[in-house]
Amino acid sequence: MSISRPLVQATLMLLGLIFLMPGCVAEPREGYFDRDHHRWYHNHVWQTCGENDEHCR
């Protein structure tokens, strides 16, 4: 019985980390250009590149 309580606590802690980790995604830096999707990051939002947009070169 003395081993089961720490084992249960460790298991619950690991499960909690597993469920919290997908929400911890790094935000791209300001002005980052995503070449694959033809967009750039500004003010915490993705901006679509327009024609002759200086940020999308």
Protein backbone atom coordinates (compact mmCIF):
# COMPACT_ATOMS: atom_id res chain seq x y z
CA MET A 1 0.00 0.00 0.00
CA SER A 2 2.86 2.43 0.66
CA ILE A 3 4.06 2.24 -2.97
CA SER A 4 0.62 2.57 -4.56
CA ARG A 5 -0.09 6.12 -3.36
CA PRO A 6 3.10 7.72 -4.83
CA LEU A 7 2.60 5.67 -7.99
CA VAL A 8 -0.96 6.97 -8.37
CA GLN A 9 0.19 10.55 -7.72
CA ALA A 10 3.00 10.27 -10.30
CA THR A 11 0.63 8.73 -12.85
CA LEU A 12 -1.93 11.51 -12.38
CA MET A 13 0.79 14.16 -12.66
CA LEU A 14 2.08 12.66 -15.91
CA LEU A 15 -1.43 12.41 -17.35
CA GLY A 16 -2.02 16.05 -16.44
CA LEU A 17 1.17 17.07 -18.26
CA ILE A 18 0.23 15.04 -21.31
CA PHE A 19 -3.15 16.78 -21.54
CA LEU A 20 -1.70 20.26 -20.95
CA MET A 21 1.23 20.07 -23.37
CA PRO A 22 -0.72 20.33 -26.66
CA GLY A 23 -1.93 23.77 -25.55
CA CYS A 24 1.62 25.02 -25.07
CA VAL A 25 2.52 26.06 -28.59
CA ALA A 26 5.15 28.71 -29.22
CA GLU A 27 3.87 31.79 -30.99
CA PRO A 28 5.81 32.82 -34.12
CA ARG A 29 7.89 35.98 -33.94
CA GLU A 30 6.49 39.30 -35.15
CA GLY A 31 6.87 39.70 -38.91
CA TYR A 32 7.49 35.99 -39.58
CA PHE A 33 6.69 35.07 -43.21
CA ASP A 34 5.10 31.65 -43.74
CA ARG A 35 6.19 30.88 -47.29
CA ASP A 36 4.09 27.70 -47.62
CA HIS A 37 0.79 29.48 -46.87
CA HIS A 38 1.78 32.92 -48.28
CA ARG A 39 0.99 34.83 -45.08
CA TRP A 40 2.87 36.76 -42.38
CA TYR A 41 2.42 37.14 -38.61
CA HIS A 42 1.53 40.57 -37.20
CA ASN A 43 -0.16 41.65 -33.91
CA HIS A 44 -0.76 38.02 -32.82
CA VAL A 45 -2.73 37.25 -36.00
CA TRP A 46 -1.83 35.77 -39.38
CA GLN A 47 -2.13 38.36 -42.18
CA THR A 48 -2.77 37.29 -45.78
CA CYS A 49 -0.21 38.60 -48.25
CA GLY A 50 -1.57 41.02 -50.80
CA GLU A 51 -0.12 41.88 -54.17
CA ASN A 52 3.17 43.83 -53.82
CA ASP A 53 3.11 43.41 -50.01
CA GLU A 54 6.53 44.39 -48.64
CA HIS A 55 6.34 41.74 -45.89
CA CYS A 56 5.90 38.85 -48.34
CA ARG A 57 9.08 38.77 -50.38
